[in-house]
C-alpha atoms as a PDB file:
ATOM      1  CA  UNK A   1       2.116  -6.027  29.921  1.00  0.00           C
ATOM      2  CA  UNK A   2      -0.508  -3.270  29.984  1.00  0.00           C
ATOM      3  CA  UNK A   3       0.417  -2.048  26.487  1.00  0.00           C
ATOM      4  CA  UNK A   4      -0.030  -5.510  24.967  1.00  0.00           C
ATOM      5  CA  UNK A   5      -3.395  -5.875  26.728  1.00  0.00           C
ATOM      6  CA  UNK A   6      -4.536  -2.514  25.360  1.00  0.00           C
ATOM      7  CA  UNK A   7      -3.445  -3.527  21.855  1.00  0.00           C
ATOM      8  CA  UNK A   8      -5.376  -6.777  22.182  1.00  0.00           C
ATOM      9  CA  UNK A   9      -8.534  -4.901  23.123  1.00  0.00           C
ATOM     10  CA  UNK A  10      -8.204  -2.512  20.174  1.00  0.00           C
ATOM     11  CA  UNK A  11      -7.902  -5.253  17.529  1.00  0.00           C
ATOM     12  CA  UNK A  12     -11.179  -5.937  15.685  1.00  0.00           C
ATOM     13  CA  UNK A  13     -12.762  -9.339  16.115  1.00  0.00           C
ATOM     14  CA  UNK A  14     -14.676 -11.472  13.645  1.00  0.00           C
ATOM     15  CA  UNK A  15     -17.950  -9.671  14.220  1.00  0.00           C
ATOM     16  CA  UNK A  16     -16.424  -6.225  13.670  1.00  0.00           C
ATOM     17  CA  UNK A  17     -14.717  -7.338  10.456  1.00  0.00           C
ATOM     18  CA  UNK A  18     -18.015  -8.807   9.226  1.00  0.00           C
ATOM     19  CA  UNK A  19     -19.783  -5.521   9.951  1.00  0.00           C
ATOM     20  CA  UNK A  20     -17.128  -3.572   8.025  1.00  0.00           C
ATOM     21  CA  UNK A  21     -17.413  -5.895   5.019  1.00  0.00           C
ATOM     22  CA  UNK A  22     -21.202  -5.619   5.038  1.00  0.00           C
ATOM     23  CA  UNK A  23     -21.037  -1.833   5.274  1.00  0.00           C
ATOM     24  CA  UNK A  24     -18.641  -1.728   2.306  1.00  0.00           C
ATOM     25  CA  UNK A  25     -20.976  -3.946   0.291  1.00  0.00           C
ATOM     26  CA  UNK A  26     -23.905  -1.693   1.077  1.00  0.00           C
ATOM     27  CA  UNK A  27     -21.999   1.480   0.229  1.00  0.00           C
ATOM     28  CA  UNK A  28     -20.298   0.406  -2.983  1.00  0.00           C
ATOM     29  CA  UNK A  29     -22.171  -2.653  -4.222  1.00  0.00           C
ATOM     30  CA  UNK A  30     -20.860  -5.982  -5.414  1.00  0.00           C
ATOM     31  CA  UNK A  31     -19.589  -4.739  -8.792  1.00  0.00           C
ATOM     32  CA  UNK A  32     -17.669  -1.691  -7.639  1.00  0.00           C
ATOM     33  CA  UNK A  33     -15.466  -3.376  -4.994  1.00  0.00           C
ATOM     34  CA  UNK A  34     -13.564  -5.675  -7.430  1.00  0.00           C
ATOM     35  CA  UNK A  35     -12.995  -2.697  -9.744  1.00  0.00           C
ATOM     36  CA  UNK A  36     -11.563  -0.664  -6.879  1.00  0.00           C
ATOM     37  CA  UNK A  37      -9.286  -3.528  -5.781  1.00  0.00           C
ATOM     38  CA  UNK A  38      -8.102  -4.003  -9.367  1.00  0.00           C
ATOM     39  CA  UNK A  39      -7.259  -0.301  -9.566  1.00  0.00           C
ATOM     40  CA  UNK A  40      -5.448  -0.453  -6.248  1.00  0.00           C
ATOM     41  CA  UNK A  41      -3.435  -3.465  -7.394  1.00  0.00           C
ATOM     42  CA  UNK A  42      -2.425  -1.803 -10.655  1.00  0.00           C
ATOM     43  CA  UNK A  43      -1.431   1.335  -8.737  1.00  0.00           C
ATOM     44  CA  UNK A  44       0.824  -0.667  -6.420  1.00  0.00           C
ATOM     45  CA  UNK A  45       2.308  -2.473  -9.425  1.00  0.00           C
ATOM     46  CA  UNK A  46       3.095   0.846 -11.165  1.00  0.00           C
ATOM     47  CA  UNK A  47       4.629   2.215  -7.955  1.00  0.00           C
ATOM     48  CA  UNK A  48       6.936  -0.804  -7.616  1.00  0.00           C
ATOM     49  CA  UNK A  49       7.845  -0.561 -11.307  1.00  0.00           C
ATOM     50  CA  UNK A  50       8.774   3.109 -10.847  1.00  0.00           C
ATOM     51  CA  UNK A  51      10.931   2.254  -7.839  1.00  0.00           C
ATOM     52  CA  UNK A  52      12.773  -0.423  -9.821  1.00  0.00           C
ATOM     53  CA  UNK A  53      13.324   1.934 -12.777  1.00  0.00           C
ATOM     54  CA  UNK A  54      14.679   4.653 -10.488  1.00  0.00           C
ATOM     55  CA  UNK A  55      16.969   2.167  -8.771  1.00  0.00           C
ATOM     56  CA  UNK A  56      18.367   0.838 -12.062  1.00  0.00           C
ATOM     57  CA  UNK A  57      18.858   4.348 -13.450  1.00  0.00           C
ATOM     58  CA  UNK A  58      20.925   5.337 -10.416  1.00  0.00           C
ATOM     59  CA  UNK A  59      23.030   2.170 -10.739  1.00  0.00           C
ATOM     60  CA  UNK A  60      23.774   2.930 -14.390  1.00  0.00           C
ATOM     61  CA  UNK A  61      25.037   6.473 -13.690  1.00  0.00           C
ATOM     62  CA  UNK A  62      28.793   6.971 -13.496  1.00  0.00           C
ATOM     63  CA  UNK A  63      30.153   7.799 -10.032  1.00  0.00           C
ATOM     64  CA  UNK A  64      30.671  11.527 -10.700  1.00  0.00           C
ATOM     65  CA  UNK A  65      27.061  11.929 -11.882  1.00  0.00           C
ATOM     66  CA  UNK A  66      25.790  10.105  -8.774  1.00  0.00           C
ATOM     67  CA  UNK A  67      27.447  12.664  -6.533  1.00  0.00           C
ATOM     68  CA  UNK A  68      26.051  15.541  -8.614  1.00  0.00           C
ATOM     69  CA  UNK A  69      22.575  14.024  -8.422  1.00  0.00           C
ATOM     70  CA  UNK A  70      22.837  13.705  -4.643  1.00  0.00           C
ATOM     71  CA  UNK A  71      23.752  17.398  -4.330  1.00  0.00           C
ATOM     72  CA  UNK A  72      20.557  18.613  -6.089  1.00  0.00           C
END
């Protein structure tokens, strides 16, 4: 009960979120924020693509090579 109450107090409200957004706008400007989000999105996309490629490459290995790869 006390832990959930503490968590509720620590969560930011609408006013705090608005202050954070305004501070970000002041620091980076209106043009820089979309560029940063676009870069973040492309980075996440590349990361997921790399995970898929690694997963498919391990599936395509024969069983004896999988065990050798796990030993490295």
